[in-house]
Amino acid sequence: MAERFVIALDQGTTSSRAVLVDHTGTIRALAQFPFKQIYPQPGWVEHDPQEILSTQISALINLMVAQKIEPSQIDSIGVTNQRETTVVWDRQTGVPIGNAIVWQCRRTADAVAALCADPLITKTISAKTGLIPDAYFSASKISWLLDNTPGARDAAKAGRLAFGTIDTWLLWSLTRGQVHATDITNASRTMLFNIHECVWDQWLLDLFDIPISMMPEVRPSSGDFGITAHSGLPAGIPIRGVAGDQQAALFGQCCFRPGQAKNTYGTGCFLLMHTGTKAIRSSHRLITTIAASPPGTKQTEYALEGSVFVAGALIQWLRDELGIIQSAEQTELMAREVDDTAGVYIVPAFTGLGAPYWDPDARGLIYGLTRGTRKEHLVRAALESMAYQVHDLVTAMEEDARFKLEMLNVDGGASNNDFLMQFQSDLLQVPLARPNNIESTALGAAFLAGLSSGFWQDVASLVDMRAQSRVFLPSVNGEKRLESLQGWADAIRRTRSHP
C-alpha cells in the first residue's frame, strides 16, 4: 500500500510553500514560490491575491510532481497563513476588488487613531477582541477597501462582496466558491470578532461600517473545510485544518497546556503562551488571542501574545548597513571570540520599543562604546539584545498569566544559533527546547488537519513523536546574570530618555 501524507500549505508574507509531512511527523520535502511585494506609497504594503493563489497552487503541484505523489496518497491538507492581511472579492465572479492590504500596511493608522480618540471606544474594542486597536488588524483595512473602491459600498450592502483573510481567500478559491469560512484563530485577528462569545460582533461591524453579509463562517481550527475543486488541482482532497501562522506554530510545538510557550526567532520575535480556557487581560499591553485546539475541544482555548519588533532584522542591519558580517551564520563564531560584550549594549529600537515598554518615540542606541570595542563585541551585543528583549517579554507574560515558565520551545531561523540559545536559557533560567525540525508553523497546520482526518490518533501521539534535537539548560546564574540584566535595564532607560 502506498505511503500516505498530509500536506501543509504555508502561505507567508513573502512566499507560498507546500510542505509534505509523513506519519512520523517528519517533513519529507517542500516547494516554495516567492511573490511580489507591492509598495504604492510609503507605509503602504499590498499583495496581488491572484498571485498568492497561483504561487500556492504551483507550490502544491510542484511538490506532488517532484515527489511523485499521487492524489490518493494525500490524506488531507492543512492551511496556515500570514494573519490580518485582507482580501475583498465579488461572490459572483470570484475576482478581488483590489489588491490585498497586508498586515504591515499603515494606511489606516490615522483613521484608527481618530476612531479611538474616545477612550471608551478603545476600551470596548479591547474588551471584546483582546486586541490593542491598531491598523495592523483587518477591520480598518476592509473599511478602506469599501470606501476607496468605486461601487464597493453599494455592492457590499447588496451582499455581493465577500471578505476574507488569506486562509479564507485560499479556501474559497481551492473549493471553487463552495466554502466561505475561516478558522477561529484567524477570526480573532480581525478586530471584528468577540473572542468571549465567539461570534462576529455587531457593535464592531457597525463601528467600522461593515455589512455582516461579507463575513465568513467561523469554524474550529481542526475540522472540515471542504474539498479541492479548483481546475488546476486534483479534485476531492479534503482540507481539514486551518490556523494563523503563530497559532499554528504554537500547536506545532505541542504547546497544548496552560503555561506552555513558544518563541519564534525571525525578523522579529513572536512569543505565545497558552493560557487554557481563560482569556487573560494583560496589564503590559500584550494581546489576548485564541489558540488553535484539537478536534473535540469543548471550550475555547486562549493564548497571550507579545512581539519583539527587531530581532533577526538587527543581524541583517549588521550585514547590509554596517557591513561587519557577510552572513548571519558568522555571528555565532564571532560572538564566541570574545568573553563578553565589554560593556556594550545594543537596543534596536529602530521603530520604537514594543511590549512591555510601548515607547514609539524611542530610537536605537549602542551604549558602552570604548576605544577597545571590536566588531566581535558589537556582534555579540546584537545577539544578546534579542535574548534581553525576549526576557522582558517573558517576564511581562508571567506576571499577566501568573504562570511560571517551565520551558521555552523555540523555532525560527535564529534558533539555530547555539550561542544565542544558551544565552537565552541563562537569562530566563529555564530550559530551551529546539526541535529537530524548526518548521513549526507548517507542522502545526499539518497536525490540525491530520488529527481531524484520523491520520494521527490524538495529541499525545504528536507529543511522543515531536523529537527535540537539543535542550539548552541554564549554566549561568547569580551575580553575573544580574549585572547583565541591570546593564540592559540601564540601556533601556537611556534609550527612552533620549528619543
Protein backbone atom coordinates (compact mmCIF):
# COMPACT_ATOMS: atom_id res chain seq x y z
CA MET A 1 0.00 0.00 0.00
CA ALA A 2 1.35 3.42 -0.98
CA GLU A 3 2.55 5.69 1.81
CA ARG A 4 0.18 8.49 2.76
CA PHE A 5 0.93 12.07 3.75
CA VAL A 6 -0.54 15.32 5.00
CA ILE A 7 0.35 18.45 3.03
CA ALA A 8 0.59 21.84 4.74
CA LEU A 9 0.02 24.94 2.64
CA ASP A 10 2.12 27.60 4.36
CA GLN A 11 1.13 30.96 2.87
CA GLY A 12 3.54 33.57 4.23
CA THR A 13 4.21 37.26 3.75
CA THR A 14 6.85 36.80 1.04
CA SER A 15 6.30 33.29 -0.33
CA SER A 16 3.87 30.41 -0.67
CA ARG A 17 5.02 26.94 0.33
CA ALA A 18 3.73 23.39 0.26
CA VAL A 19 5.20 21.02 2.85
CA LEU A 20 4.99 17.21 2.80
CA VAL A 21 4.61 15.60 6.25
CA ASP A 22 4.69 11.85 6.84
CA HIS A 23 3.07 9.76 9.59
CA THR A 24 6.09 10.18 11.90
CA GLY A 25 5.74 13.98 11.77
CA THR A 26 8.84 14.26 9.60
CA ILE A 27 8.96 16.91 6.89
CA ARG A 28 9.94 14.96 3.79
CA ALA A 29 10.01 17.74 1.21
CA LEU A 30 8.80 21.24 0.44
CA ALA A 31 8.26 23.52 -2.55
CA GLN A 32 8.35 27.29 -2.34
CA PHE A 33 7.49 30.18 -4.67
CA PRO A 34 8.03 33.86 -3.83
CA PHE A 35 5.63 36.58 -4.92
CA LYS A 36 5.80 40.32 -5.45
CA GLN A 37 5.71 42.88 -2.63
CA ILE A 38 3.81 45.99 -3.74
CA TYR A 39 4.52 49.40 -2.17
CA PRO A 40 2.19 52.01 -3.75
CA GLN A 41 3.14 54.72 -1.24
CA PRO A 42 5.44 54.98 1.80
CA GLY A 43 3.96 52.85 4.58
CA TRP A 44 1.56 51.04 2.22
CA VAL A 45 2.02 47.32 1.54
CA GLU A 46 -0.07 45.23 -0.85
CA HIS A 47 -0.14 41.74 -2.40
CA ASP A 48 -1.90 40.51 -5.52
CA PRO A 49 -4.42 37.89 -4.27
CA GLN A 50 -4.38 36.10 -7.62
CA GLU A 51 -0.58 35.81 -7.47
CA ILE A 52 -0.82 34.44 -3.93
CA LEU A 53 -3.29 31.81 -5.18
CA SER A 54 -1.24 30.91 -8.25
CA THR A 55 2.03 30.57 -6.29
CA GLN A 56 0.27 28.45 -3.64
CA ILE A 57 -1.17 26.11 -6.29
CA SER A 58 2.19 25.99 -8.07
CA ALA A 59 3.92 25.01 -4.82
CA LEU A 60 1.42 22.20 -4.23
CA ILE A 61 1.63 20.84 -7.79
CA ASN A 62 5.42 21.18 -7.87
CA LEU A 63 5.71 19.24 -4.61
CA MET A 64 3.46 16.43 -5.82
CA VAL A 65 5.26 16.12 -9.17
CA ALA A 66 8.77 16.30 -7.69
CA GLN A 67 7.97 13.69 -5.04
CA LYS A 68 5.82 11.57 -7.37
CA ILE A 69 2.84 11.82 -5.03
CA GLU A 70 -0.50 10.58 -6.32
CA PRO A 71 -3.68 12.36 -5.15
CA SER A 72 -4.76 9.15 -3.41
CA GLN A 73 -1.68 9.41 -1.18
CA ILE A 74 -2.76 12.77 0.26
CA ASP A 75 -4.73 12.16 3.43
CA SER A 76 -5.62 15.83 3.88
CA ILE A 77 -4.46 19.42 3.53
CA GLY A 78 -3.81 21.91 6.34
CA VAL A 79 -3.60 25.65 5.73
CA THR A 80 -1.61 28.23 7.67
CA ASN A 81 -1.29 31.84 6.66
CA GLN A 82 0.01 35.34 7.22
CA ARG A 83 -2.54 36.85 9.57
CA GLU A 84 -4.65 40.05 9.28
CA THR A 85 -3.94 40.54 5.54
CA THR A 86 -7.26 41.47 3.96
CA VAL A 87 -8.94 40.46 0.67
CA VAL A 88 -12.38 41.52 -0.59
CA TRP A 89 -13.84 39.88 -3.70
CA ASP A 90 -17.01 39.59 -5.78
CA ARG A 91 -19.02 36.50 -4.86
CA GLN A 92 -20.32 36.02 -8.41
CA THR A 93 -17.07 36.35 -10.32
CA GLY A 94 -14.59 35.35 -7.59
CA VAL A 95 -12.44 38.33 -8.61
CA PRO A 96 -10.90 40.56 -5.89
CA ILE A 97 -11.97 44.22 -5.99
CA GLY A 98 -8.34 45.27 -5.46
CA ASN A 99 -5.02 44.12 -4.09
CA ALA A 100 -4.83 42.56 -0.65
CA ILE A 101 -3.91 45.04 2.10
CA VAL A 102 -1.06 43.41 4.03
CA TRP A 103 -0.83 43.24 7.81
CA GLN A 104 2.24 45.53 7.69
CA CYS A 105 0.34 48.32 5.89
CA ARG A 106 -0.12 51.57 7.85
CA ARG A 107 -2.52 53.41 5.52
CA THR A 108 -5.38 53.26 8.03
CA ALA A 109 -3.36 54.32 11.09
CA ASP A 110 -4.82 57.85 11.18
CA ALA A 111 -8.37 56.53 10.80
CA VAL A 112 -7.93 54.10 13.69
CA ALA A 113 -6.35 56.83 15.85
CA ALA A 114 -9.28 59.16 15.14
CA LEU A 115 -11.80 56.43 15.91
CA CYS A 116 -10.06 55.63 19.17
CA ALA A 117 -9.79 59.22 20.33
CA ASP A 118 -12.72 58.27 22.53
CA PRO A 119 -11.19 56.18 25.37
CA LEU A 120 -14.46 54.28 25.79
CA ILE A 121 -14.25 53.00 22.21
CA THR A 122 -10.67 51.86 22.75
CA LYS A 123 -11.62 50.12 25.97
CA THR A 124 -14.65 48.42 24.39
CA ILE A 125 -12.67 47.16 21.37
CA SER A 126 -10.00 45.69 23.65
CA ALA A 127 -12.57 44.11 25.97
CA LYS A 128 -14.38 42.41 23.10
CA THR A 129 -11.42 41.38 20.92
CA GLY A 130 -8.42 41.09 23.27
CA LEU A 131 -6.54 43.33 20.83
CA ILE A 132 -4.97 46.77 21.08
CA PRO A 133 -6.79 48.87 18.44
CA ASP A 134 -4.43 49.28 15.52
CA ALA A 135 -4.22 49.47 11.72
CA TYR A 136 -2.38 46.13 11.94
CA PHE A 137 -5.68 44.25 12.18
CA SER A 138 -8.22 43.64 9.41
CA ALA A 139 -11.21 45.81 10.36
CA SER A 140 -9.95 49.19 9.16
CA LYS A 141 -8.48 47.59 6.02
CA ILE A 142 -11.93 46.33 5.00
CA SER A 143 -13.42 49.78 5.55
CA TRP A 144 -10.69 51.37 3.45
CA LEU A 145 -11.33 49.00 0.53
CA LEU A 146 -15.06 49.69 0.67
CA ASP A 147 -14.53 53.47 0.86
CA ASN A 148 -11.86 53.68 -1.84
CA THR A 149 -13.07 51.23 -4.47
CA PRO A 150 -15.77 52.65 -6.79
CA GLY A 151 -19.11 50.92 -6.23
CA ALA A 152 -17.81 48.71 -3.42
CA ARG A 153 -20.03 50.12 -0.64
CA ASP A 154 -23.20 49.55 -2.66
CA ALA A 155 -22.07 46.08 -3.71
CA ALA A 156 -21.29 45.17 -0.09
CA LYS A 157 -24.70 46.36 1.11
CA ALA A 158 -26.32 44.29 -1.66
CA GLY A 159 -24.49 41.18 -0.37
CA ARG A 160 -22.30 40.75 -3.45
CA LEU A 161 -18.91 41.11 -1.73
CA ALA A 162 -17.05 38.64 0.46
CA PHE A 163 -14.25 39.37 2.93
CA GLY A 164 -11.51 37.03 3.97
CA THR A 165 -8.08 36.86 5.47
CA ILE A 166 -5.69 34.85 3.30
CA ASP A 167 -6.89 31.48 4.62
CA THR A 168 -10.46 32.34 3.61
CA TRP A 169 -9.38 33.52 0.16
CA LEU A 170 -7.49 30.24 -0.39
CA LEU A 171 -10.40 28.12 0.88
CA TRP A 172 -12.88 29.92 -1.38
CA SER A 173 -10.58 29.57 -4.38
CA LEU A 174 -9.48 25.97 -3.80
CA THR A 175 -13.08 24.83 -3.31
CA ARG A 176 -14.38 26.95 -6.26
CA GLY A 177 -16.58 29.07 -4.06
CA GLN A 178 -18.13 26.20 -2.12
CA VAL A 179 -16.61 27.26 1.22
CA HIS A 180 -16.57 30.81 2.59
CA ALA A 181 -15.08 30.14 6.00
CA THR A 182 -12.24 30.96 8.34
CA ASP A 183 -10.95 29.35 11.49
CA ILE A 184 -11.34 30.78 14.95
CA THR A 185 -7.68 31.86 15.27
CA ASN A 186 -7.77 33.98 12.13
CA ALA A 187 -11.16 35.40 13.09
CA SER A 188 -9.65 36.57 16.39
CA ARG A 189 -7.17 38.77 14.47
CA THR A 190 -9.71 40.82 12.52
CA MET A 191 -10.75 43.20 15.35
CA LEU A 192 -14.35 42.27 14.47
CA PHE A 193 -14.67 39.03 16.44
CA ASN A 194 -15.83 38.76 20.04
CA ILE A 195 -13.35 36.27 21.49
CA HIS A 196 -15.54 35.57 24.55
CA GLU A 197 -18.82 34.87 22.74
CA CYS A 198 -17.02 33.57 19.61
CA VAL A 199 -19.21 35.47 17.15
CA TRP A 200 -18.81 38.34 14.71
CA ASP A 201 -19.66 41.32 16.88
CA GLN A 202 -22.40 43.56 15.52
CA TRP A 203 -21.19 46.58 17.54
CA LEU A 204 -17.74 46.26 15.98
CA LEU A 205 -19.16 45.71 12.49
CA ASP A 206 -21.29 48.84 12.88
CA LEU A 207 -18.32 50.80 14.22
CA PHE A 208 -16.33 50.05 11.06
CA ASP A 209 -19.43 50.15 8.79
CA ILE A 210 -19.01 46.59 7.52
CA PRO A 211 -22.06 44.50 6.49
CA ILE A 212 -22.21 41.15 8.27
CA SER A 213 -23.06 39.53 4.92
CA MET A 214 -19.37 39.92 3.96
CA MET A 215 -18.11 37.83 6.84
CA PRO A 216 -17.06 34.17 6.54
CA GLU A 217 -18.40 31.35 8.68
CA VAL A 218 -16.12 30.72 11.66
CA ARG A 219 -15.12 27.08 12.23
CA PRO A 220 -12.83 25.24 14.66
CA SER A 221 -9.19 25.08 13.55
CA SER A 222 -9.29 21.29 13.20
CA GLY A 223 -12.28 20.12 11.16
CA ASP A 224 -14.00 20.15 7.79
CA PHE A 225 -13.11 22.99 5.39
CA GLY A 226 -14.35 21.35 2.19
CA ILE A 227 -12.56 19.56 -0.64
CA THR A 228 -10.42 20.76 -3.53
CA ALA A 229 -12.31 21.61 -6.71
CA HIS A 230 -10.01 24.13 -8.41
CA SER A 231 -9.33 23.35 -12.07
CA GLY A 232 -5.58 23.42 -11.50
CA LEU A 233 -5.64 20.76 -8.77
CA PRO A 234 -6.66 17.14 -8.30
CA ALA A 235 -10.28 17.15 -7.14
CA GLY A 236 -11.64 15.82 -3.88
CA ILE A 237 -8.69 16.26 -1.49
CA PRO A 238 -10.09 17.14 1.96
CA ILE A 239 -8.97 20.36 3.66
CA ARG A 240 -9.10 19.56 7.38
CA GLY A 241 -7.15 22.19 9.28
CA VAL A 242 -6.62 25.97 9.28
CA ALA A 243 -4.78 28.32 11.65
CA GLY A 244 -2.99 31.66 11.56
CA ASP A 245 0.77 31.28 11.40
CA GLN A 246 1.69 32.00 15.02
CA GLN A 247 -1.13 29.89 16.46
CA ALA A 248 -0.11 27.12 14.06
CA ALA A 249 3.45 27.35 15.37
CA LEU A 250 2.21 27.12 18.97
CA PHE A 251 0.27 23.98 18.01
CA GLY A 252 3.20 22.60 16.01
CA GLN A 253 5.40 22.96 19.10
CA CYS A 254 2.84 20.84 21.00
CA CYS A 255 2.07 23.63 23.47
CA PHE A 256 -1.34 22.27 24.47
CA ARG A 257 -1.40 23.10 28.20
CA PRO A 258 -1.58 26.35 30.18
CA GLY A 259 1.86 27.84 30.76
CA GLN A 260 3.47 26.19 27.74
CA ALA A 261 5.04 28.73 25.39
CA LYS A 262 6.94 29.07 22.15
CA ASN A 263 9.10 31.83 20.73
CA THR A 264 9.77 32.22 17.02
CA TYR A 265 13.05 33.97 16.24
CA GLY A 266 12.52 35.62 12.88
CA THR A 267 12.81 39.18 11.58
CA GLY A 268 11.12 39.97 14.88
CA CYS A 269 10.11 37.58 17.64
CA PHE A 270 6.63 36.21 18.30
CA LEU A 271 6.14 34.84 21.80
CA LEU A 272 2.90 32.97 22.57
CA MET A 273 1.89 31.38 25.86
CA HIS A 274 -1.06 29.01 26.13
CA THR A 275 -3.40 30.16 28.92
CA GLY A 276 -6.03 27.41 28.77
CA THR A 277 -9.72 28.31 28.73
CA LYS A 278 -9.13 31.69 30.36
CA ALA A 279 -8.81 34.83 28.22
CA ILE A 280 -6.30 36.74 30.33
CA ARG A 281 -6.30 40.53 30.10
CA SER A 282 -2.78 41.89 30.01
CA SER A 283 -1.55 44.78 32.12
CA HIS A 284 1.51 45.10 29.83
CA ARG A 285 -0.41 45.65 26.59
CA LEU A 286 0.14 42.12 25.39
CA ILE A 287 -2.50 40.70 23.04
CA THR A 288 -5.10 38.17 24.15
CA THR A 289 -5.79 35.82 21.26
CA ILE A 290 -7.47 32.49 20.53
CA ALA A 291 -5.29 29.38 20.34
CA ALA A 292 -5.80 26.51 17.89
CA SER A 293 -7.31 23.44 19.54
CA PRO A 294 -7.52 19.74 18.63
CA PRO A 295 -10.86 18.30 17.43
CA GLY A 296 -13.45 17.66 20.12
CA THR A 297 -12.27 20.50 22.37
CA LYS A 298 -15.33 21.65 24.31
CA GLN A 299 -14.22 25.15 25.38
CA THR A 300 -12.35 27.89 23.56
CA GLU A 301 -8.65 27.99 24.39
CA TYR A 302 -6.62 31.19 24.55
CA ALA A 303 -3.07 32.49 24.44
CA LEU A 304 -1.16 35.64 25.33
CA GLU A 305 0.97 37.05 22.52
CA GLY A 306 3.77 39.56 22.52
CA SER A 307 6.13 40.77 19.83
CA VAL A 308 9.73 41.90 19.68
CA PHE A 309 9.88 44.30 16.75
CA VAL A 310 13.55 43.82 15.82
CA ALA A 311 15.40 40.52 16.22
CA GLY A 312 16.86 38.94 13.08
CA ALA A 313 16.44 42.34 11.41
CA LEU A 314 19.27 43.58 13.65
CA ILE A 315 21.60 40.94 12.19
CA GLN A 316 20.52 41.99 8.70
CA TRP A 317 21.42 45.57 9.66
CA LEU A 318 24.90 44.49 10.77
CA ARG A 319 25.33 42.77 7.39
CA ASP A 320 23.66 45.17 4.96
CA GLU A 321 24.14 48.62 6.50
CA LEU A 322 27.27 48.28 8.66
CA GLY A 323 28.99 45.57 6.62
CA ILE A 324 30.71 43.98 9.64
CA ILE A 325 29.44 40.49 8.79
CA GLN A 326 28.88 38.72 5.47
CA SER A 327 26.27 36.24 6.71
CA ALA A 328 24.12 35.52 9.75
CA GLU A 329 25.92 32.19 10.19
CA GLN A 330 29.14 34.06 11.09
CA THR A 331 27.66 35.62 14.19
CA GLU A 332 27.92 32.58 16.46
CA LEU A 333 31.65 32.12 15.90
CA MET A 334 32.33 35.86 16.20
CA ALA A 335 30.36 36.09 19.45
CA ARG A 336 32.43 33.26 20.93
CA GLU A 337 35.70 35.02 20.06
CA VAL A 338 35.19 37.44 22.97
CA ASP A 339 34.43 36.64 26.61
CA ASP A 340 31.65 39.22 26.83
CA THR A 341 30.48 42.43 25.15
CA ALA A 342 32.95 44.58 27.10
CA GLY A 343 30.02 46.55 28.46
CA VAL A 344 28.37 47.22 25.09
CA TYR A 345 24.57 47.02 24.81
CA ILE A 346 22.52 47.46 21.64
CA VAL A 347 18.87 48.47 21.97
CA PRO A 348 17.45 48.02 18.45
CA ALA A 349 14.55 50.45 18.78
CA PHE A 350 14.55 51.16 15.03
CA THR A 351 10.77 51.63 15.07
CA GLY A 352 10.28 52.27 18.78
CA LEU A 353 10.04 49.82 21.66
CA GLY A 354 7.26 47.24 21.94
CA ALA A 355 6.00 45.34 24.97
CA PRO A 356 6.40 45.81 27.85
CA TYR A 357 7.63 49.40 27.23
CA TRP A 358 5.46 50.62 24.36
CA ASP A 359 7.50 53.68 23.54
CA PRO A 360 7.00 54.54 19.84
CA ASP A 361 9.33 57.54 20.10
CA ALA A 362 12.35 55.57 21.32
CA ARG A 363 15.15 55.10 18.80
CA GLY A 364 18.03 52.66 18.59
CA LEU A 365 21.05 53.01 20.82
CA ILE A 366 24.51 51.46 21.12
CA TYR A 367 25.73 52.12 24.66
CA GLY A 368 29.06 51.44 26.32
CA LEU A 369 31.42 52.04 23.38
CA THR A 370 35.10 52.49 24.20
CA ARG A 371 38.27 52.66 22.13
CA GLY A 372 38.69 48.94 22.77
CA THR A 373 35.32 47.96 21.29
CA ARG A 374 35.74 45.47 18.43
CA LYS A 375 33.28 44.28 15.82
CA GLU A 376 33.04 40.98 17.72
CA HIS A 377 31.72 42.88 20.73
CA LEU A 378 29.07 44.51 18.56
CA VAL A 379 28.03 41.18 17.06
CA ARG A 380 27.79 39.57 20.47
CA ALA A 381 25.80 42.55 21.81
CA ALA A 382 23.40 42.24 18.86
CA LEU A 383 22.73 38.56 19.60
CA GLU A 384 22.37 39.26 23.31
CA SER A 385 19.87 42.07 22.60
CA MET A 386 17.46 39.51 21.12
CA ALA A 387 17.63 37.47 24.30
CA TYR A 388 17.20 40.52 26.55
CA GLN A 389 14.08 41.58 24.65
CA VAL A 390 12.58 38.09 24.91
CA HIS A 391 13.45 38.03 28.63
CA ASP A 392 11.49 41.27 29.15
CA LEU A 393 8.54 39.85 27.22
CA VAL A 394 8.56 36.57 29.18
CA THR A 395 8.70 38.47 32.48
CA ALA A 396 5.65 40.53 31.47
CA MET A 397 3.80 37.44 30.28
CA GLU A 398 4.50 35.54 33.51
CA GLU A 399 3.13 38.45 35.53
CA ASP A 400 -0.03 38.65 33.41
CA ALA A 401 -0.69 34.90 33.24
CA ARG A 402 0.51 34.11 36.75
CA PHE A 403 2.24 31.08 35.29
CA LYS A 404 5.92 30.46 35.85
CA LEU A 405 7.51 29.41 32.58
CA GLU A 406 8.97 25.92 32.93
CA MET A 407 10.40 25.57 29.41
CA LEU A 408 10.52 27.73 26.29
CA ASN A 409 10.04 25.99 22.94
CA VAL A 410 11.97 27.76 20.19
CA ASP A 411 11.89 27.86 16.40
CA GLY A 412 12.70 30.24 13.57
CA GLY A 413 15.99 30.85 11.79
CA ALA A 414 17.96 32.38 14.67
CA SER A 415 17.09 29.43 16.93
CA ASN A 416 19.86 27.58 15.05
CA ASN A 417 22.40 29.84 16.76
CA ASP A 418 23.64 27.81 19.74
CA PHE A 419 25.30 30.82 21.40
CA LEU A 420 22.02 32.76 21.36
CA MET A 421 20.02 29.81 22.65
CA GLN A 422 22.39 29.21 25.55
CA PHE A 423 22.45 32.89 26.48
CA GLN A 424 18.63 32.95 26.34
CA SER A 425 18.40 29.94 28.66
CA ASP A 426 20.83 31.59 31.09
CA LEU A 427 18.80 34.81 31.16
CA LEU A 428 15.43 33.10 31.62
CA GLN A 429 16.76 30.40 33.96
CA VAL A 430 14.61 27.82 32.16
CA PRO A 431 15.45 25.12 29.61
CA LEU A 432 15.04 25.90 25.91
CA ALA A 433 13.79 23.08 23.68
CA ARG A 434 14.70 23.26 19.99
CA PRO A 435 13.03 20.60 17.82
CA ASN A 436 14.73 18.59 15.11
CA ASN A 437 12.72 20.49 12.56
CA ILE A 438 12.12 24.17 13.23
CA GLU A 439 9.30 24.39 10.64
CA SER A 440 6.74 24.54 13.44
CA THR A 441 4.18 26.62 11.52
CA ALA A 442 3.79 24.08 8.70
CA LEU A 443 3.77 21.19 11.18
CA GLY A 444 1.01 22.87 13.18
CA ALA A 445 -1.21 23.13 10.10
CA ALA A 446 -0.45 19.50 9.22
CA PHE A 447 -1.19 18.32 12.77
CA LEU A 448 -4.56 20.13 12.83
CA ALA A 449 -5.54 18.51 9.54
CA GLY A 450 -4.24 15.05 10.40
CA LEU A 451 -5.95 14.97 13.80
CA SER A 452 -9.27 15.84 12.17
CA SER A 453 -8.92 13.16 9.50
CA GLY A 454 -7.69 10.46 11.89
CA PHE A 455 -4.22 10.36 10.30
CA TRP A 456 -2.92 10.88 13.84
CA GLN A 457 -4.84 9.47 16.77
CA ASP A 458 -4.55 12.23 19.38
CA VAL A 459 -2.31 15.00 20.72
CA ALA A 460 -0.46 12.52 22.94
CA SER A 461 0.85 10.80 19.80
CA LEU A 462 2.06 14.16 18.50
CA VAL A 463 3.94 14.86 21.72
CA ASP A 464 5.58 11.43 21.55
CA MET A 465 6.91 11.96 18.04
CA ARG A 466 7.86 15.65 18.35
CA ALA A 467 11.56 15.00 18.95
CA GLN A 468 13.85 17.68 20.32
CA SER A 469 17.26 18.00 18.72
CA ARG A 470 18.67 19.82 21.70
CA VAL A 471 17.68 21.17 25.09
CA PHE A 472 19.70 24.13 26.39
CA LEU A 473 19.97 24.20 30.17
CA PRO A 474 20.80 27.27 32.27
CA SER A 475 24.51 27.35 33.08
CA VAL A 476 24.97 30.88 34.49
CA ASN A 477 23.16 32.40 37.44
CA GLY A 478 23.88 34.72 40.31
CA GLU A 479 25.79 37.97 40.21
CA LYS A 480 26.97 37.87 36.59
CA ARG A 481 23.43 37.37 35.28
CA LEU A 482 22.01 40.12 37.49
CA GLU A 483 24.73 42.55 36.42
CA SER A 484 24.00 41.90 32.74
CA LEU A 485 20.26 42.43 33.28
CA GLN A 486 20.93 45.64 35.20
CA GLY A 487 23.13 46.85 32.35
CA TRP A 488 20.34 46.12 29.88
CA ALA A 489 17.79 47.94 32.04
CA ASP A 490 20.13 50.94 32.17
CA ALA A 491 20.48 50.90 28.37
CA ILE A 492 16.68 50.79 28.01
CA ARG A 493 16.36 53.74 30.39
CA ARG A 494 18.90 55.76 28.39
CA THR A 495 17.13 54.87 25.12
CA ARG A 496 13.78 56.08 26.41
CA SER A 497 15.16 59.30 27.89
CA HIS A 498 16.82 60.26 24.60
CA PRO A 499 14.15 59.78 21.90
